[in-house]
N, C-alpha and C. Protein backbone atom coordinates (compact mmCIF):
# COMPACT_ATOMS: atom_id res chain seq x y z
N MET A 1 174.08 140.80 137.27
CA MET A 1 173.25 140.12 138.25
C MET A 1 172.08 139.43 137.56
N ARG A 2 171.88 138.15 137.86
CA ARG A 2 170.79 137.40 137.26
C ARG A 2 169.54 137.49 138.12
N TYR A 3 168.40 137.62 137.43
CA TYR A 3 167.12 137.67 138.13
C TYR A 3 166.33 136.40 137.84
N ALA A 4 165.45 136.06 138.76
CA ALA A 4 164.61 134.87 138.58
C ALA A 4 163.67 135.08 137.40
N ALA A 5 163.23 133.96 136.83
CA ALA A 5 162.29 134.03 135.71
C ALA A 5 161.05 134.81 136.12
N GLY A 6 160.60 135.68 135.24
CA GLY A 6 159.42 136.47 135.51
C GLY A 6 159.68 137.77 136.24
N HIS A 7 160.94 138.02 136.60
CA HIS A 7 161.26 139.23 137.36
C HIS A 7 160.91 140.49 136.56
N LYS A 8 161.25 140.52 135.29
CA LYS A 8 160.99 141.71 134.50
C LYS A 8 159.50 141.97 134.36
N ALA A 9 158.72 140.90 134.16
CA ALA A 9 157.26 141.05 134.02
C ALA A 9 156.66 141.56 135.32
N ARG A 10 157.14 141.06 136.45
CA ARG A 10 156.61 141.52 137.74
C ARG A 10 156.97 142.98 137.99
N THR A 11 158.18 143.36 137.61
CA THR A 11 158.60 144.75 137.78
C THR A 11 157.76 145.67 136.91
N ARG A 12 157.53 145.25 135.69
CA ARG A 12 156.70 146.04 134.78
C ARG A 12 155.29 146.21 135.35
N ALA A 13 154.74 145.13 135.89
CA ALA A 13 153.41 145.20 136.48
C ALA A 13 153.37 146.16 137.67
N LYS A 14 154.43 146.19 138.46
CA LYS A 14 154.50 147.12 139.59
C LYS A 14 154.50 148.56 139.11
N ILE A 15 155.22 148.82 138.02
CA ILE A 15 155.27 150.17 137.47
C ILE A 15 153.90 150.58 136.95
N VAL A 16 153.22 149.67 136.27
CA VAL A 16 151.89 149.96 135.72
C VAL A 16 150.90 150.27 136.84
N GLN A 17 150.93 149.46 137.90
CA GLN A 17 150.03 149.68 139.02
C GLN A 17 150.32 151.02 139.71
N ALA A 18 151.61 151.30 139.91
CA ALA A 18 151.99 152.58 140.54
C ALA A 18 151.57 153.75 139.67
N ALA A 19 151.74 153.62 138.37
CA ALA A 19 151.37 154.71 137.46
C ALA A 19 149.88 154.99 137.52
N GLY A 20 149.07 153.93 137.59
CA GLY A 20 147.63 154.12 137.67
C GLY A 20 147.24 154.96 138.88
N LYS A 21 147.90 154.71 140.00
CA LYS A 21 147.60 155.48 141.22
C LYS A 21 148.12 156.91 141.12
N VAL A 22 149.38 157.05 140.70
CA VAL A 22 150.01 158.37 140.67
C VAL A 22 149.34 159.27 139.64
N PHE A 23 149.05 158.75 138.46
CA PHE A 23 148.43 159.58 137.42
C PHE A 23 147.04 160.05 137.85
N ARG A 24 146.28 159.17 138.50
CA ARG A 24 144.95 159.58 138.98
C ARG A 24 145.07 160.60 140.11
N ARG A 25 146.04 160.41 140.98
CA ARG A 25 146.17 161.29 142.16
C ARG A 25 146.75 162.64 141.80
N GLU A 26 147.81 162.66 141.00
CA GLU A 26 148.55 163.88 140.72
C GLU A 26 148.21 164.52 139.38
N GLY A 27 147.66 163.70 138.48
CA GLY A 27 147.47 164.17 137.11
C GLY A 27 148.64 163.69 136.25
N TYR A 28 148.35 163.38 135.00
CA TYR A 28 149.39 162.82 134.13
C TYR A 28 150.54 163.79 133.90
N HIS A 29 150.25 165.05 133.60
CA HIS A 29 151.32 165.99 133.28
C HIS A 29 152.12 166.39 134.52
N ALA A 30 151.47 166.42 135.67
CA ALA A 30 152.18 166.81 136.89
C ALA A 30 153.04 165.69 137.45
N ALA A 31 152.72 164.48 137.12
CA ALA A 31 153.46 163.33 137.66
C ALA A 31 154.61 162.96 136.75
N GLY A 32 155.81 163.04 137.28
CA GLY A 32 156.98 162.66 136.49
C GLY A 32 157.30 161.18 136.64
N ILE A 33 158.19 160.71 135.82
CA ILE A 33 158.63 159.32 135.89
C ILE A 33 159.24 159.00 137.25
N ASP A 34 159.99 159.96 137.81
CA ASP A 34 160.59 159.75 139.12
C ASP A 34 159.51 159.43 140.16
N MET A 35 158.39 160.15 140.10
CA MET A 35 157.32 159.96 141.07
C MET A 35 156.69 158.58 140.93
N VAL A 36 156.50 158.15 139.69
CA VAL A 36 155.92 156.83 139.44
C VAL A 36 156.84 155.74 139.96
N MET A 37 158.11 155.84 139.64
CA MET A 37 159.07 154.81 140.05
C MET A 37 159.23 154.78 141.57
N GLU A 38 159.17 155.92 142.20
CA GLU A 38 159.24 155.97 143.66
C GLU A 38 158.03 155.27 144.27
N GLU A 39 156.86 155.50 143.69
CA GLU A 39 155.64 154.83 144.15
C GLU A 39 155.77 153.32 144.02
N ALA A 40 156.47 152.88 142.98
CA ALA A 40 156.66 151.45 142.73
C ALA A 40 157.79 150.86 143.56
N GLY A 41 158.55 151.74 144.27
CA GLY A 41 159.68 151.27 145.08
C GLY A 41 160.89 150.93 144.22
N LEU A 42 161.04 151.63 143.10
CA LEU A 42 162.12 151.36 142.16
C LEU A 42 162.88 152.65 141.87
N THR A 43 164.05 152.50 141.28
CA THR A 43 164.85 153.67 140.90
C THR A 43 164.42 154.15 139.51
N ALA A 44 164.46 155.45 139.31
CA ALA A 44 164.00 156.04 138.06
C ALA A 44 164.81 155.56 136.86
N GLY A 45 166.08 155.22 137.08
CA GLY A 45 166.93 154.82 135.97
C GLY A 45 166.47 153.57 135.25
N GLY A 46 165.67 152.75 135.91
CA GLY A 46 165.23 151.51 135.28
C GLY A 46 163.98 151.64 134.43
N PHE A 47 163.40 152.83 134.37
CA PHE A 47 162.13 153.00 133.68
C PHE A 47 162.20 152.60 132.22
N TYR A 48 163.22 153.08 131.52
CA TYR A 48 163.27 152.89 130.07
C TYR A 48 163.64 151.47 129.65
N ALA A 49 163.92 150.62 130.61
CA ALA A 49 164.08 149.20 130.29
C ALA A 49 162.71 148.54 130.08
N HIS A 50 161.65 149.25 130.48
CA HIS A 50 160.31 148.68 130.40
C HIS A 50 159.39 149.45 129.46
N PHE A 51 159.55 150.77 129.34
CA PHE A 51 158.66 151.60 128.53
C PHE A 51 159.46 152.63 127.74
N PRO A 52 159.06 152.90 126.51
CA PRO A 52 159.79 153.88 125.70
C PRO A 52 159.47 155.33 126.09
N SER A 53 158.35 155.55 126.79
CA SER A 53 157.95 156.92 127.13
C SER A 53 156.89 156.89 128.23
N LYS A 54 156.67 158.04 128.84
CA LYS A 54 155.61 158.16 129.85
C LYS A 54 154.23 157.96 129.19
N ALA A 55 154.08 158.42 127.96
CA ALA A 55 152.80 158.24 127.26
C ALA A 55 152.50 156.76 127.05
N ALA A 56 153.52 155.99 126.72
CA ALA A 56 153.32 154.55 126.55
C ALA A 56 152.89 153.90 127.85
N LEU A 57 153.44 154.38 128.96
CA LEU A 57 153.04 153.87 130.26
C LEU A 57 151.58 154.21 130.56
N LEU A 58 151.17 155.44 130.27
CA LEU A 58 149.78 155.83 130.49
C LEU A 58 148.84 154.96 129.67
N ALA A 59 149.19 154.73 128.42
CA ALA A 59 148.35 153.91 127.54
C ALA A 59 148.14 152.51 128.13
N GLU A 60 149.18 151.98 128.75
CA GLU A 60 149.08 150.63 129.33
C GLU A 60 148.42 150.65 130.70
N ALA A 61 148.52 151.75 131.41
CA ALA A 61 148.04 151.80 132.80
C ALA A 61 146.54 152.05 132.92
N LEU A 62 145.90 152.58 131.88
CA LEU A 62 144.49 152.96 131.99
C LEU A 62 143.57 151.78 132.28
N ALA A 63 143.69 150.71 131.50
CA ALA A 63 142.78 149.57 131.69
C ALA A 63 142.96 148.92 133.06
N PRO A 64 144.20 148.64 133.51
CA PRO A 64 144.35 148.09 134.86
C PRO A 64 143.82 149.02 135.95
N ALA A 65 143.95 150.33 135.75
CA ALA A 65 143.43 151.28 136.73
C ALA A 65 141.91 151.19 136.82
N ALA A 66 141.26 151.04 135.68
CA ALA A 66 139.80 150.90 135.68
C ALA A 66 139.38 149.60 136.35
N ALA A 67 140.13 148.52 136.07
CA ALA A 67 139.82 147.23 136.69
C ALA A 67 140.05 147.29 138.20
N GLU A 68 141.12 147.94 138.61
CA GLU A 68 141.43 148.08 140.03
C GLU A 68 140.35 148.85 140.76
N ALA A 69 139.78 149.83 140.07
CA ALA A 69 138.72 150.65 140.68
C ALA A 69 137.40 149.90 140.78
N GLY A 70 137.30 148.74 140.10
CA GLY A 70 136.06 147.99 140.12
C GLY A 70 134.94 148.69 139.40
N VAL A 71 135.22 149.17 138.20
CA VAL A 71 134.21 149.91 137.44
C VAL A 71 133.69 149.04 136.30
N PRO A 72 132.36 148.77 136.26
CA PRO A 72 131.45 149.05 137.37
C PRO A 72 131.68 148.08 138.51
N HIS A 73 131.07 148.31 139.66
CA HIS A 73 131.33 147.49 140.84
C HIS A 73 130.56 146.18 140.73
N ASP A 74 131.05 145.29 139.87
CA ASP A 74 130.31 144.06 139.59
C ASP A 74 130.03 143.25 140.85
N GLN A 75 131.01 143.18 141.76
CA GLN A 75 130.81 142.37 142.95
C GLN A 75 129.71 142.93 143.83
N GLU A 76 129.44 144.23 143.73
CA GLU A 76 128.41 144.85 144.53
C GLU A 76 127.05 144.82 143.85
N LEU A 77 127.03 144.44 142.58
CA LEU A 77 125.78 144.44 141.82
C LEU A 77 125.28 143.03 141.56
N GLU A 78 125.89 142.04 142.20
CA GLU A 78 125.50 140.65 141.98
C GLU A 78 124.03 140.45 142.32
N GLY A 79 123.32 139.80 141.43
CA GLY A 79 121.91 139.53 141.65
C GLY A 79 120.99 140.60 141.11
N GLU A 80 121.54 141.77 140.76
CA GLU A 80 120.72 142.84 140.19
C GLU A 80 120.64 142.67 138.67
N THR A 81 119.53 143.06 138.08
CA THR A 81 119.37 142.95 136.63
C THR A 81 118.64 144.18 136.11
N GLY A 82 118.71 144.37 134.80
CA GLY A 82 117.95 145.40 134.13
C GLY A 82 118.13 146.79 134.71
N ARG A 83 117.01 147.48 134.87
CA ARG A 83 117.05 148.86 135.34
C ARG A 83 117.66 148.97 136.75
N THR A 84 117.37 147.99 137.61
CA THR A 84 117.94 148.01 138.95
C THR A 84 119.46 148.02 138.90
N ARG A 85 120.03 147.21 138.02
CA ARG A 85 121.49 147.13 137.91
C ARG A 85 122.06 148.43 137.34
N THR A 86 121.36 149.01 136.36
CA THR A 86 121.84 150.26 135.78
C THR A 86 121.77 151.39 136.80
N GLU A 87 120.70 151.45 137.58
CA GLU A 87 120.60 152.45 138.63
C GLU A 87 121.68 152.24 139.69
N ALA A 88 122.00 150.98 139.96
CA ALA A 88 123.05 150.69 140.93
C ALA A 88 124.40 151.21 140.45
N PHE A 89 124.66 151.06 139.15
CA PHE A 89 125.90 151.60 138.60
C PHE A 89 125.94 153.12 138.77
N ILE A 90 124.84 153.78 138.45
CA ILE A 90 124.77 155.24 138.57
C ILE A 90 125.00 155.68 140.02
N ASP A 91 124.33 154.99 140.95
CA ASP A 91 124.49 155.33 142.36
C ASP A 91 125.92 155.16 142.84
N ARG A 92 126.56 154.07 142.46
CA ARG A 92 127.93 153.81 142.89
C ARG A 92 128.91 154.78 142.25
N TYR A 93 128.71 155.06 140.97
CA TYR A 93 129.65 155.92 140.26
C TYR A 93 129.56 157.36 140.75
N LEU A 94 128.35 157.83 140.96
CA LEU A 94 128.14 159.22 141.37
C LEU A 94 127.92 159.34 142.88
N ALA A 95 128.63 158.54 143.63
CA ALA A 95 128.55 158.57 145.09
C ALA A 95 129.63 159.49 145.66
N PRO A 96 129.36 160.16 146.78
CA PRO A 96 130.38 161.01 147.42
C PRO A 96 131.69 160.28 147.70
N ARG A 97 131.62 159.02 148.05
CA ARG A 97 132.87 158.29 148.35
C ARG A 97 133.73 158.14 147.10
N HIS A 98 133.09 157.99 145.92
CA HIS A 98 133.87 157.93 144.67
C HIS A 98 134.46 159.30 144.36
N MET A 99 133.70 160.35 144.66
CA MET A 99 134.22 161.71 144.46
C MET A 99 135.49 161.93 145.29
N ARG A 100 135.51 161.39 146.51
CA ARG A 100 136.66 161.60 147.39
C ARG A 100 137.85 160.72 147.03
N ASP A 101 137.62 159.61 146.35
CA ASP A 101 138.69 158.64 146.10
C ASP A 101 139.26 158.80 144.69
N THR A 102 139.95 159.89 144.45
CA THR A 102 140.53 160.12 143.12
C THR A 102 141.58 159.07 142.79
N GLU A 103 142.45 158.77 143.73
CA GLU A 103 143.55 157.84 143.48
C GLU A 103 143.05 156.42 143.19
N GLY A 104 142.01 156.00 143.88
CA GLY A 104 141.53 154.64 143.70
C GLY A 104 140.29 154.53 142.83
N GLY A 105 139.82 155.65 142.30
CA GLY A 105 138.59 155.65 141.52
C GLY A 105 138.80 155.42 140.04
N CYS A 106 137.74 155.56 139.29
CA CYS A 106 137.78 155.37 137.84
C CYS A 106 138.74 156.38 137.21
N PRO A 107 139.58 155.93 136.27
CA PRO A 107 140.53 156.84 135.64
C PRO A 107 139.89 157.79 134.62
N LEU A 108 138.67 157.53 134.19
CA LEU A 108 138.08 158.38 133.15
C LEU A 108 137.90 159.82 133.61
N PRO A 109 137.22 160.09 134.73
CA PRO A 109 137.09 161.50 135.15
C PRO A 109 138.40 162.10 135.63
N ALA A 110 139.28 161.28 136.17
CA ALA A 110 140.56 161.78 136.69
C ALA A 110 141.48 162.25 135.57
N LEU A 111 141.37 161.64 134.40
CA LEU A 111 142.36 161.89 133.35
C LEU A 111 141.78 162.33 132.01
N ALA A 112 140.47 162.52 131.93
CA ALA A 112 139.84 162.82 130.64
C ALA A 112 140.43 164.05 129.97
N SER A 113 140.58 165.15 130.71
CA SER A 113 141.06 166.39 130.10
C SER A 113 142.49 166.25 129.60
N GLU A 114 143.29 165.44 130.29
CA GLU A 114 144.68 165.27 129.88
C GLU A 114 144.81 164.29 128.72
N VAL A 115 143.97 163.26 128.72
CA VAL A 115 143.97 162.31 127.60
C VAL A 115 143.60 163.03 126.30
N ALA A 116 142.73 164.01 126.39
CA ALA A 116 142.30 164.76 125.20
C ALA A 116 143.47 165.44 124.50
N ARG A 117 144.56 165.65 125.23
CA ARG A 117 145.73 166.34 124.66
C ARG A 117 146.87 165.38 124.33
N THR A 118 146.59 164.09 124.36
CA THR A 118 147.63 163.10 124.08
C THR A 118 147.47 162.53 122.68
N GLY A 119 148.29 161.53 122.38
CA GLY A 119 148.27 160.93 121.06
C GLY A 119 147.37 159.72 120.96
N GLY A 120 147.44 159.06 119.80
CA GLY A 120 146.55 157.97 119.47
C GLY A 120 146.53 156.79 120.42
N PRO A 121 147.69 156.23 120.80
CA PRO A 121 147.67 155.05 121.67
C PRO A 121 146.97 155.29 123.01
N VAL A 122 147.19 156.45 123.61
CA VAL A 122 146.54 156.76 124.88
C VAL A 122 145.04 156.91 124.66
N LYS A 123 144.65 157.63 123.63
CA LYS A 123 143.22 157.80 123.35
C LYS A 123 142.55 156.46 123.03
N ALA A 124 143.28 155.58 122.37
CA ALA A 124 142.72 154.26 122.05
C ALA A 124 142.46 153.47 123.32
N SER A 125 143.37 153.54 124.29
CA SER A 125 143.16 152.85 125.56
C SER A 125 141.98 153.43 126.32
N PHE A 126 141.89 154.75 126.34
CA PHE A 126 140.79 155.44 127.00
C PHE A 126 139.47 155.06 126.33
N GLU A 127 139.46 155.09 125.00
CA GLU A 127 138.25 154.76 124.25
C GLU A 127 137.80 153.34 124.53
N ALA A 128 138.73 152.42 124.68
CA ALA A 128 138.37 151.02 124.94
C ALA A 128 137.60 150.89 126.25
N ILE A 129 137.99 151.67 127.25
CA ILE A 129 137.27 151.64 128.53
C ILE A 129 135.87 152.23 128.34
N VAL A 130 135.78 153.34 127.63
CA VAL A 130 134.48 153.96 127.37
C VAL A 130 133.55 152.98 126.65
N ARG A 131 134.06 152.37 125.60
CA ARG A 131 133.23 151.42 124.83
C ARG A 131 132.81 150.23 125.68
N ASP A 132 133.73 149.73 126.49
CA ASP A 132 133.42 148.57 127.33
C ASP A 132 132.34 148.90 128.36
N LEU A 133 132.49 150.04 129.03
CA LEU A 133 131.50 150.41 130.05
C LEU A 133 130.13 150.67 129.43
N ALA A 134 130.12 151.36 128.29
CA ALA A 134 128.84 151.63 127.63
C ALA A 134 128.18 150.33 127.17
N ALA A 135 128.98 149.41 126.66
CA ALA A 135 128.43 148.12 126.23
C ALA A 135 127.87 147.34 127.40
N ARG A 136 128.54 147.41 128.53
CA ARG A 136 128.06 146.68 129.71
C ARG A 136 126.78 147.31 130.27
N LEU A 137 126.70 148.63 130.22
CA LEU A 137 125.45 149.29 130.62
C LEU A 137 124.30 148.86 129.71
N LYS A 138 124.57 148.82 128.42
CA LYS A 138 123.54 148.42 127.45
C LYS A 138 123.13 146.97 127.67
N ASP A 139 124.10 146.09 127.83
CA ASP A 139 123.80 144.67 127.95
C ASP A 139 123.04 144.35 129.24
N GLN A 140 123.41 145.00 130.32
CA GLN A 140 122.77 144.69 131.59
C GLN A 140 121.33 145.21 131.66
N ALA A 141 120.97 146.09 130.73
CA ALA A 141 119.59 146.59 130.67
C ALA A 141 118.69 145.67 129.85
N ASP A 142 119.19 144.47 129.55
CA ASP A 142 118.41 143.45 128.84
C ASP A 142 117.88 143.95 127.50
N GLY A 143 118.71 144.71 126.80
CA GLY A 143 118.35 145.14 125.46
C GLY A 143 117.39 146.31 125.39
N GLU A 144 117.06 146.91 126.53
CA GLU A 144 116.09 148.01 126.53
C GLU A 144 116.75 149.38 126.64
N LEU A 145 118.06 149.41 126.49
CA LEU A 145 118.81 150.67 126.52
C LEU A 145 119.64 150.73 125.26
N SER A 146 119.49 151.78 124.46
CA SER A 146 120.25 151.88 123.22
C SER A 146 121.72 152.18 123.51
N GLU A 147 122.56 151.92 122.54
CA GLU A 147 123.98 152.20 122.70
C GLU A 147 124.22 153.69 122.91
N ASP A 148 123.49 154.51 122.15
CA ASP A 148 123.66 155.96 122.30
C ASP A 148 123.23 156.43 123.69
N ARG A 149 122.14 155.89 124.22
CA ARG A 149 121.68 156.28 125.55
C ARG A 149 122.69 155.82 126.61
N ALA A 150 123.26 154.63 126.43
CA ALA A 150 124.27 154.14 127.36
C ALA A 150 125.50 155.05 127.35
N LEU A 151 125.92 155.48 126.17
CA LEU A 151 127.05 156.40 126.07
C LEU A 151 126.74 157.73 126.75
N ALA A 152 125.51 158.20 126.59
CA ALA A 152 125.12 159.48 127.21
C ALA A 152 125.12 159.36 128.74
N ILE A 153 124.61 158.26 129.27
CA ILE A 153 124.61 158.05 130.72
C ILE A 153 126.03 157.99 131.25
N LEU A 154 126.90 157.26 130.52
CA LEU A 154 128.28 157.17 130.95
C LEU A 154 128.96 158.54 130.93
N ALA A 155 128.72 159.31 129.86
CA ALA A 155 129.33 160.64 129.76
C ALA A 155 128.84 161.54 130.89
N LEU A 156 127.56 161.43 131.24
CA LEU A 156 127.02 162.22 132.35
C LEU A 156 127.68 161.83 133.67
N CYS A 157 127.88 160.54 133.87
CA CYS A 157 128.53 160.06 135.09
C CYS A 157 129.98 160.55 135.17
N VAL A 158 130.72 160.38 134.10
CA VAL A 158 132.13 160.78 134.08
C VAL A 158 132.27 162.29 134.22
N GLY A 159 131.50 163.03 133.43
CA GLY A 159 131.58 164.48 133.49
C GLY A 159 131.08 165.03 134.82
N GLY A 160 129.99 164.47 135.32
CA GLY A 160 129.46 164.94 136.59
C GLY A 160 130.43 164.72 137.73
N LEU A 161 131.07 163.56 137.75
CA LEU A 161 132.04 163.29 138.80
C LEU A 161 133.25 164.23 138.69
N GLY A 162 133.69 164.47 137.46
CA GLY A 162 134.83 165.37 137.26
C GLY A 162 134.53 166.78 137.72
N VAL A 163 133.34 167.28 137.41
CA VAL A 163 132.96 168.63 137.84
C VAL A 163 132.81 168.69 139.36
N ALA A 164 132.19 167.68 139.94
CA ALA A 164 131.99 167.65 141.39
C ALA A 164 133.32 167.68 142.13
N ARG A 165 134.32 166.99 141.60
CA ARG A 165 135.64 166.98 142.22
C ARG A 165 136.36 168.32 142.06
N SER A 166 135.95 169.10 141.09
CA SER A 166 136.70 170.31 140.74
C SER A 166 136.22 171.56 141.46
N VAL A 167 135.11 171.48 142.17
CA VAL A 167 134.64 172.65 142.91
C VAL A 167 135.17 172.61 144.33
N GLN A 168 135.33 173.79 144.92
CA GLN A 168 135.89 173.86 146.27
C GLN A 168 134.86 173.53 147.35
N ASP A 169 133.62 173.92 147.11
CA ASP A 169 132.56 173.73 148.09
C ASP A 169 132.09 172.27 148.07
N LYS A 170 132.32 171.54 149.16
CA LYS A 170 131.95 170.12 149.22
C LYS A 170 130.45 169.93 149.04
N ALA A 171 129.65 170.82 149.66
CA ALA A 171 128.20 170.70 149.54
C ALA A 171 127.75 170.88 148.09
N LEU A 172 128.39 171.81 147.37
CA LEU A 172 128.06 172.00 145.95
C LEU A 172 128.44 170.76 145.17
N GLY A 173 129.59 170.17 145.46
CA GLY A 173 130.01 168.95 144.78
C GLY A 173 128.99 167.84 144.95
N GLU A 174 128.47 167.68 146.17
CA GLU A 174 127.48 166.64 146.42
C GLU A 174 126.16 166.96 145.74
N ARG A 175 125.82 168.25 145.63
CA ARG A 175 124.62 168.63 144.87
C ARG A 175 124.76 168.26 143.40
N ILE A 176 125.95 168.49 142.86
CA ILE A 176 126.20 168.14 141.46
C ILE A 176 126.03 166.64 141.26
N LEU A 177 126.59 165.86 142.17
CA LEU A 177 126.45 164.40 142.08
C LEU A 177 124.97 164.00 142.12
N ALA A 178 124.23 164.55 143.06
CA ALA A 178 122.82 164.20 143.21
C ALA A 178 122.02 164.58 141.97
N SER A 179 122.30 165.76 141.43
CA SER A 179 121.59 166.22 140.23
C SER A 179 121.89 165.32 139.04
N CYS A 180 123.15 164.93 138.90
CA CYS A 180 123.53 164.04 137.79
C CYS A 180 122.92 162.65 137.97
N ARG A 181 122.86 162.17 139.21
CA ARG A 181 122.21 160.88 139.46
C ARG A 181 120.74 160.94 139.02
N ASP A 182 120.05 162.02 139.41
CA ASP A 182 118.63 162.16 139.06
C ASP A 182 118.45 162.21 137.54
N LEU A 183 119.30 162.98 136.87
CA LEU A 183 119.16 163.12 135.43
C LEU A 183 119.48 161.81 134.71
N ALA A 184 120.53 161.11 135.18
CA ALA A 184 120.89 159.84 134.57
C ALA A 184 119.77 158.82 134.74
N LYS A 185 119.17 158.77 135.92
CA LYS A 185 118.08 157.82 136.16
C LYS A 185 116.83 158.20 135.37
N ALA A 186 116.62 159.50 135.17
CA ALA A 186 115.46 159.93 134.39
C ALA A 186 115.53 159.44 132.95
N SER A 187 116.74 159.18 132.49
CA SER A 187 116.91 158.70 131.11
C SER A 187 116.58 157.22 131.00
N LEU A 188 116.25 156.57 132.13
CA LEU A 188 115.93 155.15 132.13
C LEU A 188 114.42 154.91 132.16
N VAL A 189 113.64 155.94 131.91
CA VAL A 189 112.18 155.83 132.09
C VAL A 189 111.55 154.80 131.17
N THR A 190 112.19 154.45 130.07
CA THR A 190 111.61 153.47 129.16
C THR A 190 111.86 152.05 129.62
N LEU A 191 112.73 151.87 130.63
CA LEU A 191 113.00 150.54 131.15
C LEU A 191 111.96 150.17 132.20
N PRO A 192 111.66 148.87 132.37
CA PRO A 192 110.71 148.46 133.40
C PRO A 192 111.15 148.95 134.78
N ALA A 193 110.21 149.39 135.60
CA ALA A 193 110.53 149.89 136.94
C ALA A 193 111.16 148.78 137.77
N PRO A 194 112.22 149.11 138.52
CA PRO A 194 112.90 148.09 139.33
C PRO A 194 112.12 147.75 140.59
N GLN A 195 112.34 146.55 141.09
CA GLN A 195 111.80 146.15 142.38
C GLN A 195 112.83 146.49 143.44
N THR A 196 112.39 147.08 144.54
CA THR A 196 113.31 147.43 145.61
C THR A 196 113.81 146.16 146.28
N SER A 197 115.12 146.00 146.36
CA SER A 197 115.74 144.84 146.98
C SER A 197 116.58 145.28 148.15
N ALA A 198 117.04 144.31 148.92
CA ALA A 198 117.93 144.63 150.05
C ALA A 198 119.20 145.29 149.55
N ALA A 199 119.72 144.81 148.41
CA ALA A 199 120.95 145.40 147.86
C ALA A 199 120.71 146.85 147.47
N THR A 200 119.52 147.13 146.89
CA THR A 200 119.20 148.51 146.50
C THR A 200 119.11 149.40 147.72
N ARG A 201 118.44 148.93 148.78
CA ARG A 201 118.32 149.73 150.00
C ARG A 201 119.67 150.01 150.62
N ASN A 202 120.55 149.00 150.61
CA ASN A 202 121.91 149.19 151.16
C ASN A 202 122.69 150.21 150.34
N ARG A 203 122.52 150.16 149.01
CA ARG A 203 123.23 151.07 148.14
C ARG A 203 122.80 152.51 148.40
N GLU A 204 121.50 152.72 148.62
CA GLU A 204 120.99 154.07 148.82
C GLU A 204 121.47 154.69 150.11
N THR A 205 121.82 153.85 151.09
CA THR A 205 122.28 154.38 152.38
C THR A 205 123.79 154.40 152.51
N ASP A 206 124.51 153.91 151.48
CA ASP A 206 125.97 153.81 151.55
C ASP A 206 126.63 154.79 150.61
N GLN A 207 126.25 156.06 150.70
CA GLN A 207 126.80 157.07 149.81
C GLN A 207 127.46 158.18 150.63
């Protein structure tokens, strides 16, 4: 059977998108190839025509999953600069709604512990997201945030969200988020104080 031009690329893209959702929702080790292909609306037998292994799929799926999650939420931070923009990232990342949205959220907290037990290609993909987010945090602070401080803020956000999702008590989870938000913002004390804007006020009430 002949397929139209681009059919294989479109099918591959469907598998990658499905994998990003399934791996975040179920966990990489718990999610089998059958589950990913079912999510994509495809039969499991066709998987190896596109990827040599599940690990290769994870390595490719991480970046699109981060982009799909809108991390950071650039469209929501339009017009913000410097410390205001960095605080906006912290608020959005450590928000209760992000805690609840494992499937559609950032892949870093959802998959960090499992990526730590994988091989080089997967870790390289994960690292690229970490480096990109830290660089964007640093750049948006107009040069007043060091690379190391940006990495520390990102690690606090990722780790805090992961811990908040892992406790049974919802109120405790939200306390963890709030505490991490406060600590992350406290690390911005060397940056000029932000001016309160309509976008900032909306962000503070939309958690």
